[in-house]
Amino acid sequence: MNRLSIAVVALWTACVWAADPPAPTGPTVSVSASATTSVANDRMFALLRAEVDNADPVRAAADVNARIGKAIARAKATPGVEVKTSGYSSYQITDKTVTRWRVQQSVSLESGDFAALAGLLTKLQSEDALVMSSMSFGVGNDVRRKAEDALTQEAIKGWQARAQSASKALGFDAWRVGHVNVMTGEPPMRPQPMMRMAAGGSAAPVNAEGGNTDITVTVSGDALLGSR
């Protein structure tokens, strides 16, 4: 084996040891603890689409583009609302002997001002003929991070207490921290499906009750048992 091969093997061995620390040789006990809090949702999300059927695909696309363009202009004129376009599709539909084109495009909206976004959604449906696909609420990154930081401290203290209790129950008078994982998360947002408004109808005002989201931090890992 030449010097280059030896260096490569040595480097690979070091990386393996860095990625996979050796398993503890003494007795261990695995424990976990969680901390949860309910946080008021501070972000509102909505997905709307323009949908047009026409025998002429060019006219269908032009109609959709006009509606989406108007919706984006309305959204940008509404303080505190963020807007971006999403999926676009165009495909043929055959109903018995009639063939037509269906063109769709969606816009997603987000805001921390529930009243402003709710008012905008009402206008986009009743005045611009957009269809609401879904609406949901969630916790913004800053609020979530602050809650997770506090929960992490609480969960770690709970883990330490459980490790101490388990150590004592198993007949050991000392323990130390082994490999520990801290996992954060929250339930996925549940979109509220919307019924399609009949052509020519007027949309009822959108209700925006944000509710709460439960955020949980879980600490799990090994306590290495021993004696003083």
C-alpha atoms as a PDB file:
ATOM      1  CA  MET A   1       0.000   0.000   0.000  1.00  0.00           C
ATOM      2  CA  ASN A   2       1.532   3.327  -0.987  1.00  0.00           C
ATOM      3  CA  ARG A   3       1.584   6.467   1.159  1.00  0.00           C
ATOM      4  CA  LEU A   4      -1.428   8.011  -0.613  1.00  0.00           C
ATOM      5  CA  SER A   5      -3.540   4.913   0.032  1.00  0.00           C
ATOM      6  CA  ILE A   6      -2.526   4.888   3.698  1.00  0.00           C
ATOM      7  CA  ALA A   7      -3.489   8.583   4.056  1.00  0.00           C
ATOM      8  CA  VAL A   8      -6.886   7.978   2.447  1.00  0.00           C
ATOM      9  CA  VAL A   9      -7.617   5.003   4.710  1.00  0.00           C
ATOM     10  CA  ALA A  10      -6.588   7.002   7.775  1.00  0.00           C
ATOM     11  CA  LEU A  11      -8.830   9.904   6.775  1.00  0.00           C
ATOM     12  CA  TRP A  12     -11.771   7.575   6.112  1.00  0.00           C
ATOM     13  CA  THR A  13     -11.262   5.888   9.488  1.00  0.00           C
ATOM     14  CA  ALA A  14     -11.233   9.284  11.245  1.00  0.00           C
ATOM     15  CA  CYS A  15     -14.469  10.295   9.504  1.00  0.00           C
ATOM     16  CA  VAL A  16     -16.163   7.036  10.539  1.00  0.00           C
ATOM     17  CA  TRP A  17     -15.175   7.571  14.164  1.00  0.00           C
ATOM     18  CA  ALA A  18     -16.391  11.185  14.032  1.00  0.00           C
ATOM     19  CA  ALA A  19     -19.772  10.192  12.583  1.00  0.00           C
ATOM     20  CA  ASP A  20     -20.315   7.086  14.758  1.00  0.00           C
ATOM     21  CA  PRO A  21     -18.969   7.502  18.303  1.00  0.00           C
ATOM     22  CA  PRO A  22     -18.161   4.208  20.053  1.00  0.00           C
ATOM     23  CA  ALA A  23     -20.997   2.640  22.013  1.00  0.00           C
ATOM     24  CA  PRO A  24     -20.727   2.976  25.796  1.00  0.00           C
ATOM     25  CA  THR A  25     -19.214  -0.084  27.493  1.00  0.00           C
ATOM     26  CA  GLY A  26     -20.938   0.313  30.850  1.00  0.00           C
ATOM     27  CA  PRO A  27     -24.610  -0.002  31.819  1.00  0.00           C
ATOM     28  CA  THR A  28     -26.920   2.590  30.312  1.00  0.00           C
ATOM     29  CA  VAL A  29     -30.579   3.502  30.534  1.00  0.00           C
ATOM     30  CA  SER A  30     -32.537   5.299  27.804  1.00  0.00           C
ATOM     31  CA  VAL A  31     -35.022   7.913  28.949  1.00  0.00           C
ATOM     32  CA  SER A  32     -37.060  10.639  27.303  1.00  0.00           C
ATOM     33  CA  ALA A  33     -39.005  13.704  28.366  1.00  0.00           C
ATOM     34  CA  SER A  34     -41.227  16.156  26.512  1.00  0.00           C
ATOM     35  CA  ALA A  35     -42.501  19.670  27.045  1.00  0.00           C
ATOM     36  CA  THR A  36     -45.495  21.121  25.216  1.00  0.00           C
ATOM     37  CA  THR A  37     -47.120  24.524  25.019  1.00  0.00           C
ATOM     38  CA  SER A  38     -50.066  25.946  23.115  1.00  0.00           C
ATOM     39  CA  VAL A  39     -49.189  29.025  21.046  1.00  0.00           C
ATOM     40  CA  ALA A  40     -51.629  31.388  19.373  1.00  0.00           C
ATOM     41  CA  ASN A  41     -51.316  31.196  15.587  1.00  0.00           C
ATOM     42  CA  ASP A  42     -49.961  34.445  14.194  1.00  0.00           C
ATOM     43  CA  ARG A  43     -49.861  33.616  10.471  1.00  0.00           C
ATOM     44  CA  MET A  44     -52.741  33.068   8.042  1.00  0.00           C
ATOM     45  CA  PHE A  45     -52.332  31.278   4.715  1.00  0.00           C
ATOM     46  CA  ALA A  46     -54.651  30.970   1.737  1.00  0.00           C
ATOM     47  CA  LEU A  47     -54.472  29.371  -1.681  1.00  0.00           C
ATOM     48  CA  LEU A  48     -56.738  30.630  -4.467  1.00  0.00           C
ATOM     49  CA  ARG A  49     -56.958  29.766  -8.126  1.00  0.00           C
ATOM     50  CA  ALA A  50     -58.299  31.175 -11.368  1.00  0.00           C
ATOM     51  CA  GLU A  51     -59.960  28.464 -13.433  1.00  0.00           C
ATOM     52  CA  VAL A  52     -61.385  28.923 -16.927  1.00  0.00           C
ATOM     53  CA  ASP A  53     -62.884  26.479 -19.451  1.00  0.00           C
ATOM     54  CA  ASN A  54     -62.973  27.484 -23.107  1.00  0.00           C
ATOM     55  CA  ALA A  55     -62.888  25.793 -26.483  1.00  0.00           C
ATOM     56  CA  ASP A  56     -60.064  28.161 -27.399  1.00  0.00           C
ATOM     57  CA  PRO A  57     -56.973  27.536 -25.213  1.00  0.00           C
ATOM     58  CA  VAL A  58     -55.568  30.981 -26.008  1.00  0.00           C
ATOM     59  CA  ARG A  59     -58.683  32.723 -24.715  1.00  0.00           C
ATOM     60  CA  ALA A  60     -58.755  30.515 -21.632  1.00  0.00           C
ATOM     61  CA  ALA A  61     -55.132  31.340 -20.847  1.00  0.00           C
ATOM     62  CA  ALA A  62     -55.684  35.055 -21.440  1.00  0.00           C
ATOM     63  CA  ASP A  63     -58.654  35.071 -19.057  1.00  0.00           C
ATOM     64  CA  VAL A  64     -56.705  33.262 -16.351  1.00  0.00           C
ATOM     65  CA  ASN A  65     -53.686  35.543 -16.763  1.00  0.00           C
ATOM     66  CA  ALA A  66     -55.889  38.618 -16.449  1.00  0.00           C
ATOM     67  CA  ARG A  67     -57.564  37.349 -13.262  1.00  0.00           C
ATOM     68  CA  ILE A  68     -54.302  36.363 -11.647  1.00  0.00           C
ATOM     69  CA  GLY A  69     -52.691  39.664 -12.620  1.00  0.00           C
ATOM     70  CA  LYS A  70     -55.539  41.582 -11.023  1.00  0.00           C
ATOM     71  CA  ALA A  71     -55.358  39.412  -7.886  1.00  0.00           C
ATOM     72  CA  ILE A  72     -51.623  40.033  -7.522  1.00  0.00           C
ATOM     73  CA  ALA A  73     -52.159  43.777  -7.885  1.00  0.00           C
ATOM     74  CA  ARG A  74     -54.849  43.716  -5.195  1.00  0.00           C
ATOM     75  CA  ALA A  75     -52.645  41.690  -2.856  1.00  0.00           C
ATOM     76  CA  LYS A  76     -49.628  43.963  -3.312  1.00  0.00           C
ATOM     77  CA  ALA A  77     -51.834  46.956  -2.551  1.00  0.00           C
ATOM     78  CA  THR A  78     -52.923  45.376   0.756  1.00  0.00           C
ATOM     79  CA  PRO A  79     -50.439  46.212   3.544  1.00  0.00           C
ATOM     80  CA  GLY A  80     -48.965  43.214   5.337  1.00  0.00           C
ATOM     81  CA  VAL A  81     -49.954  40.635   2.712  1.00  0.00           C
ATOM     82  CA  GLU A  82     -47.351  38.517   0.935  1.00  0.00           C
ATOM     83  CA  VAL A  83     -48.266  36.996  -2.434  1.00  0.00           C
ATOM     84  CA  LYS A  84     -46.655  34.569  -4.860  1.00  0.00           C
ATOM     85  CA  THR A  85     -47.871  32.515  -7.799  1.00  0.00           C
ATOM     86  CA  SER A  86     -47.814  28.727  -7.692  1.00  0.00           C
ATOM     87  CA  GLY A  87     -49.043  25.947  -9.988  1.00  0.00           C
ATOM     88  CA  TYR A  88     -50.132  26.519 -13.584  1.00  0.00           C
ATOM     89  CA  SER A  89     -51.881  23.870 -15.684  1.00  0.00           C
ATOM     90  CA  SER A  90     -53.576  23.622 -19.069  1.00  0.00           C
ATOM     91  CA  TYR A  91     -55.270  20.469 -20.354  1.00  0.00           C
ATOM     92  CA  GLN A  92     -58.090  19.212 -22.556  1.00  0.00           C
ATOM     93  CA  ILE A  93     -61.427  17.958 -21.264  1.00  0.00           C
ATOM     94  CA  THR A  94     -63.781  15.914 -23.411  1.00  0.00           C
ATOM     95  CA  ASP A  95     -67.416  15.690 -22.354  1.00  0.00           C
ATOM     96  CA  LYS A  96     -69.239  13.380 -24.764  1.00  0.00           C
ATOM     97  CA  THR A  97     -68.545  15.079 -28.097  1.00  0.00           C
ATOM     98  CA  VAL A  98     -67.527  18.484 -26.739  1.00  0.00           C
ATOM     99  CA  THR A  99     -63.849  19.202 -26.238  1.00  0.00           C
ATOM    100  CA  ARG A 100     -62.638  22.212 -24.323  1.00  0.00           C
ATOM    101  CA  TRP A 101     -59.546  23.462 -22.569  1.00  0.00           C
ATOM    102  CA  ARG A 102     -59.232  24.044 -18.838  1.00  0.00           C
ATOM    103  CA  VAL A 103     -56.558  26.461 -17.678  1.00  0.00           C
ATOM    104  CA  GLN A 104     -55.724  27.008 -13.999  1.00  0.00           C
ATOM    105  CA  GLN A 105     -53.244  29.066 -12.029  1.00  0.00           C
ATOM    106  CA  SER A 106     -52.954  29.569  -8.290  1.00  0.00           C
ATOM    107  CA  VAL A 107     -51.750  32.293  -5.977  1.00  0.00           C
ATOM    108  CA  SER A 108     -50.735  31.807  -2.360  1.00  0.00           C
ATOM    109  CA  LEU A 109     -51.242  34.552   0.193  1.00  0.00           C
ATOM    110  CA  GLU A 110     -49.806  34.961   3.669  1.00  0.00           C
ATOM    111  CA  SER A 111     -50.262  37.589   6.364  1.00  0.00           C
ATOM    112  CA  GLY A 112     -50.091  38.253  10.061  1.00  0.00           C
ATOM    113  CA  ASP A 113     -53.066  40.624   9.738  1.00  0.00           C
ATOM    114  CA  PHE A 114     -56.013  38.238   9.711  1.00  0.00           C
ATOM    115  CA  ALA A 115     -58.624  40.936   9.135  1.00  0.00           C
ATOM    116  CA  ALA A 116     -56.767  42.408   6.156  1.00  0.00           C
ATOM    117  CA  LEU A 117     -56.259  39.042   4.492  1.00  0.00           C
ATOM    118  CA  ALA A 118     -59.829  37.945   5.187  1.00  0.00           C
ATOM    119  CA  GLY A 119     -61.137  41.115   3.536  1.00  0.00           C
ATOM    120  CA  LEU A 120     -58.870  40.560   0.543  1.00  0.00           C
ATOM    121  CA  LEU A 121     -60.026  36.964   0.172  1.00  0.00           C
ATOM    122  CA  THR A 122     -63.645  38.055   0.136  1.00  0.00           C
ATOM    123  CA  LYS A 123     -62.950  40.554  -2.672  1.00  0.00           C
ATOM    124  CA  LEU A 124     -60.889  38.109  -4.717  1.00  0.00           C
ATOM    125  CA  GLN A 125     -63.753  35.635  -4.672  1.00  0.00           C
ATOM    126  CA  SER A 126     -66.714  37.955  -5.149  1.00  0.00           C
ATOM    127  CA  GLU A 127     -65.190  40.558  -7.476  1.00  0.00           C
ATOM    128  CA  ASP A 128     -62.384  38.733  -9.307  1.00  0.00           C
ATOM    129  CA  ALA A 129     -64.021  35.280  -9.602  1.00  0.00           C
ATOM    130  CA  LEU A 130     -61.158  33.423  -7.944  1.00  0.00           C
ATOM    131  CA  VAL A 131     -61.841  30.139  -6.179  1.00  0.00           C
ATOM    132  CA  MET A 132     -60.496  29.479  -2.683  1.00  0.00           C
ATOM    133  CA  SER A 133     -58.736  26.115  -2.579  1.00  0.00           C
ATOM    134  CA  SER A 134     -57.669  26.168   1.073  1.00  0.00           C
ATOM    135  CA  MET A 135     -57.076  28.345   4.104  1.00  0.00           C
ATOM    136  CA  SER A 136     -54.973  27.568   7.163  1.00  0.00           C
ATOM    137  CA  PHE A 137     -53.244  29.110  10.171  1.00  0.00           C
ATOM    138  CA  GLY A 138     -49.834  28.569  11.705  1.00  0.00           C
ATOM    139  CA  VAL A 139     -47.072  29.903  13.921  1.00  0.00           C
ATOM    140  CA  GLY A 140     -44.440  32.186  12.425  1.00  0.00           C
ATOM    141  CA  ASN A 141     -40.749  31.305  12.612  1.00  0.00           C
ATOM    142  CA  ASP A 142     -39.826  33.899  15.251  1.00  0.00           C
ATOM    143  CA  VAL A 143     -42.649  32.943  17.612  1.00  0.00           C
ATOM    144  CA  ARG A 144     -42.029  29.228  17.096  1.00  0.00           C
ATOM    145  CA  ARG A 145     -38.282  29.562  17.728  1.00  0.00           C
ATOM    146  CA  LYS A 146     -38.845  31.494  20.953  1.00  0.00           C
ATOM    147  CA  ALA A 147     -41.309  28.871  22.189  1.00  0.00           C
ATOM    148  CA  GLU A 148     -38.985  26.007  21.241  1.00  0.00           C
ATOM    149  CA  ASP A 149     -36.049  27.605  23.082  1.00  0.00           C
ATOM    150  CA  ALA A 150     -38.066  27.772  26.300  1.00  0.00           C
ATOM    151  CA  LEU A 151     -39.450  24.256  25.838  1.00  0.00           C
ATOM    152  CA  THR A 152     -35.978  22.860  25.221  1.00  0.00           C
ATOM    153  CA  GLN A 153     -34.810  24.060  28.644  1.00  0.00           C
ATOM    154  CA  GLU A 154     -37.916  22.583  30.255  1.00  0.00           C
ATOM    155  CA  ALA A 155     -37.557  19.238  28.450  1.00  0.00           C
ATOM    156  CA  ILE A 156     -33.861  18.959  29.345  1.00  0.00           C
ATOM    157  CA  LYS A 157     -34.657  19.476  33.040  1.00  0.00           C
ATOM    158  CA  GLY A 158     -37.359  16.809  32.758  1.00  0.00           C
ATOM    159  CA  TRP A 159     -34.901  14.433  31.080  1.00  0.00           C
ATOM    160  CA  GLN A 160     -32.319  14.998  33.800  1.00  0.00           C
ATOM    161  CA  ALA A 161     -34.914  14.295  36.490  1.00  0.00           C
ATOM    162  CA  ARG A 162     -35.944  11.051  34.781  1.00  0.00           C
ATOM    163  CA  ALA A 163     -32.335   9.986  34.335  1.00  0.00           C
ATOM    164  CA  GLN A 164     -31.697  10.594  38.043  1.00  0.00           C
ATOM    165  CA  SER A 165     -34.827   8.666  39.024  1.00  0.00           C
ATOM    166  CA  ALA A 166     -34.008   5.742  36.723  1.00  0.00           C
ATOM    167  CA  SER A 167     -30.420   5.597  37.966  1.00  0.00           C
ATOM    168  CA  LYS A 168     -31.548   5.445  41.580  1.00  0.00           C
ATOM    169  CA  ALA A 169     -34.236   2.846  40.866  1.00  0.00           C
ATOM    170  CA  LEU A 170     -31.682   0.610  39.151  1.00  0.00           C
ATOM    171  CA  GLY A 171     -29.328   0.737  42.126  1.00  0.00           C
ATOM    172  CA  PHE A 172     -26.735   3.217  40.864  1.00  0.00           C
ATOM    173  CA  ASP A 173     -25.745   6.270  42.848  1.00  0.00           C
ATOM    174  CA  ALA A 174     -24.330   8.266  39.919  1.00  0.00           C
ATOM    175  CA  TRP A 175     -24.863   8.818  36.220  1.00  0.00           C
ATOM    176  CA  ARG A 176     -23.595  11.006  33.426  1.00  0.00           C
ATOM    177  CA  VAL A 177     -24.978  12.175  30.106  1.00  0.00           C
ATOM    178  CA  GLY A 178     -24.470   9.964  27.061  1.00  0.00           C
ATOM    179  CA  HIS A 179     -25.789  10.507  23.550  1.00  0.00           C
ATOM    180  CA  VAL A 180     -28.840  12.809  23.630  1.00  0.00           C
ATOM    181  CA  ASN A 181     -31.242  13.987  20.898  1.00  0.00           C
ATOM    182  CA  VAL A 182     -33.371  17.129  21.008  1.00  0.00           C
ATOM    183  CA  MET A 183     -36.338  16.975  18.624  1.00  0.00           C
ATOM    184  CA  THR A 184     -38.672  19.843  17.895  1.00  0.00           C
ATOM    185  CA  GLY A 185     -41.833  19.903  15.896  1.00  0.00           C
ATOM    186  CA  GLU A 186     -45.480  20.801  15.608  1.00  0.00           C
ATOM    187  CA  PRO A 187     -48.503  19.229  13.934  1.00  0.00           C
ATOM    188  CA  PRO A 188     -48.843  20.081  10.238  1.00  0.00           C
ATOM    189  CA  MET A 189     -51.222  22.880   9.365  1.00  0.00           C
ATOM    190  CA  ARG A 190     -54.653  21.561   8.497  1.00  0.00           C
ATOM    191  CA  PRO A 191     -55.986  23.351   5.429  1.00  0.00           C
ATOM    192  CA  GLN A 192     -59.686  24.125   5.469  1.00  0.00           C
ATOM    193  CA  PRO A 193     -61.159  23.002   2.126  1.00  0.00           C
ATOM    194  CA  MET A 194     -63.471  25.545   0.509  1.00  0.00           C
ATOM    195  CA  MET A 195     -66.622  24.931  -1.495  1.00  0.00           C
ATOM    196  CA  ARG A 196     -66.604  26.268  -5.007  1.00  0.00           C
ATOM    197  CA  MET A 197     -68.790  29.341  -5.463  1.00  0.00           C
ATOM    198  CA  ALA A 198     -71.429  29.124  -8.165  1.00  0.00           C
ATOM    199  CA  ALA A 199     -70.913  31.325 -11.206  1.00  0.00           C
ATOM    200  CA  GLY A 200     -72.305  34.772 -10.664  1.00  0.00           C
ATOM    201  CA  GLY A 201     -72.646  34.244  -6.928  1.00  0.00           C
ATOM    202  CA  SER A 202     -71.233  36.447  -4.218  1.00  0.00           C
ATOM    203  CA  ALA A 203     -68.863  35.143  -1.598  1.00  0.00           C
ATOM    204  CA  ALA A 204     -69.787  35.478   2.057  1.00  0.00           C
ATOM    205  CA  PRO A 205     -67.242  37.341   4.208  1.00  0.00           C
ATOM    206  CA  VAL A 206     -64.325  35.128   5.167  1.00  0.00           C
ATOM    207  CA  ASN A 207     -64.110  34.331   8.875  1.00  0.00           C
ATOM    208  CA  ALA A 208     -60.576  34.284  10.295  1.00  0.00           C
ATOM    209  CA  GLU A 209     -60.290  32.643  13.718  1.00  0.00           C
ATOM    210  CA  GLY A 210     -56.658  31.632  13.990  1.00  0.00           C
ATOM    211  CA  GLY A 211     -56.811  29.260  16.961  1.00  0.00           C
ATOM    212  CA  ASN A 212     -53.733  27.760  18.597  1.00  0.00           C
ATOM    213  CA  THR A 213     -50.952  25.340  17.693  1.00  0.00           C
ATOM    214  CA  ASP A 214     -49.353  22.897  20.119  1.00  0.00           C
ATOM    215  CA  ILE A 215     -45.555  22.948  19.935  1.00  0.00           C
ATOM    216  CA  THR A 216     -43.562  20.102  21.474  1.00  0.00           C
ATOM    217  CA  VAL A 217     -39.892  19.532  22.218  1.00  0.00           C
ATOM    218  CA  THR A 218     -38.730  16.008  23.089  1.00  0.00           C
ATOM    219  CA  VAL A 219     -35.375  15.127  24.624  1.00  0.00           C
ATOM    220  CA  SER A 220     -34.305  11.497  24.493  1.00  0.00           C
ATOM    221  CA  GLY A 221     -31.019   9.745  25.066  1.00  0.00           C
ATOM    222  CA  ASP A 222     -28.787   7.570  27.191  1.00  0.00           C
ATOM    223  CA  ALA A 223     -27.757   8.049  30.787  1.00  0.00           C
ATOM    224  CA  LEU A 224     -24.469   6.256  31.543  1.00  0.00           C
ATOM    225  CA  LEU A 225     -24.788   4.587  34.949  1.00  0.00           C
ATOM    226  CA  GLY A 226     -21.998   4.215  37.482  1.00  0.00           C
ATOM    227  CA  SER A 227     -20.856   4.779  41.037  1.00  0.00           C
ATOM    228  CA  ARG A 228     -19.333   7.745  42.742  1.00  0.00           C
END
